[in-house]
């Protein structure tokens, strides 16, 4: 973690905006091609589209490797998706049978995982060896001040190899890269999926964010850092999506020392022993009526209003004035909002993930009209949870080129629910082989417990 954190500095993020834009434009161009062939519209699974986009971005940013999964599917991409799928399955499987070594070569899914792992490891080892063979000897200050606009390889792999120098090992680097691949791919795709799901049901908010994007970005597909800083409503929409559908919905921490904590809902104290695993339900935290005004309502403007509850002792409430970053974070809501965790274990890529999501979401909302094809109540009932929160069968929408308000007779965007039994293009990121979905709808009623 100490090595990676400096790699996400402003110069790197500024360079990555170009990568975000290039990958988003590639996705948009392919969808526009399908729209042309579909005589004005096309049905797609946006969750799968966002997964492909996020994979391409993380590949270039972290490995300097273009998966190009937005337009193609090759054995490496398939291996990545199957490994992510397996990680999701293992996170919910009670008995870790994969720790019994002989079973890894007998059980078909475990054997397939080992084969996928070897393919990806071999690929990563080749990328690492290439980076190590051309490493530089810059110190940390020089690396942070590196001119990322004029380097051939601005990836985090290049940064880590140059930072660690002779101490860099293939296994160490490979483990770091694999962690960033898993953590930085599916979480971003899920954020974009749920933000889209929420906004298509609110034409009023969609028009407001489109007005903002039109004013700040115009028709450009390559926003600048300065332009992204001018966006205000759009980051709040993403923050509100993360509040309602946190990625991940559960954080696990281990107590390093014995301690006593306040007892929720009472005046007592709870003893916590050293070594205890602490399960933090971010889902319940983000939907608690004790901490949020109208907690189940999708309200991006809540991030502009102070809110407090004197009944919650020791909590200083939500105060927009405490923002110390570019987006709403854990400090603003005094740790009632933990989309990226907090403290020394906070996600190192939070700014990266938000900037990536802002670019992709801005282009999607500005350039396409969307009609949600499935019943929102059914989507909510069939939530699939694990490391992240998914839809059960994807987010099916009908896409068509955006018609500006002045070009429409009624002056409104058609975002109504469409009951047409249309099937999306077959671009599923992975087969749905996770365990039976956990439904979270019933959990919210106990969010204050």
Foldseek 3Di string as FASTA:
>chain_A
DVLLLLLPDPLLLQLLLQVLLVLLVVLVVVLVVVCVVVVFWAKAFLLLLLLQSQLQSLCCAALVDGPVLSPDDDLLLQLLLLLLLVVQQVLPDPDPPVVVPVVCCVPVSSVSNVVSVVVNLVVLLVSLVVLLVDADQDESVCLSVDNLVPDPRSHSSNSSSNHCPPNDDSVVSVVVSSVCSSLRRSQLSQLLQQLVVVVLVPQVLLVVQLVLLCVQPNPDSRDGPVSVLSRDLLLLSSLLSCLQFAQAQKDKDFAQAWDWAADFPDRDIDTDHHGDIDIDGSNLLSQPVQADDNSNDSDSCVLVDWDHHVVPPPFPAAANVQDPDSHDACRRGVNSRQSQHDDPNGDSCPVVSSSSSSSSNSCDSNWKQKEFADDPVQQLQQWAHGSGIDGQPGGIIMIGTDDQLVRDPVSGGPHYHHPDPDDHDPSRSDDRPHPRGDRCPVVSVVSSD
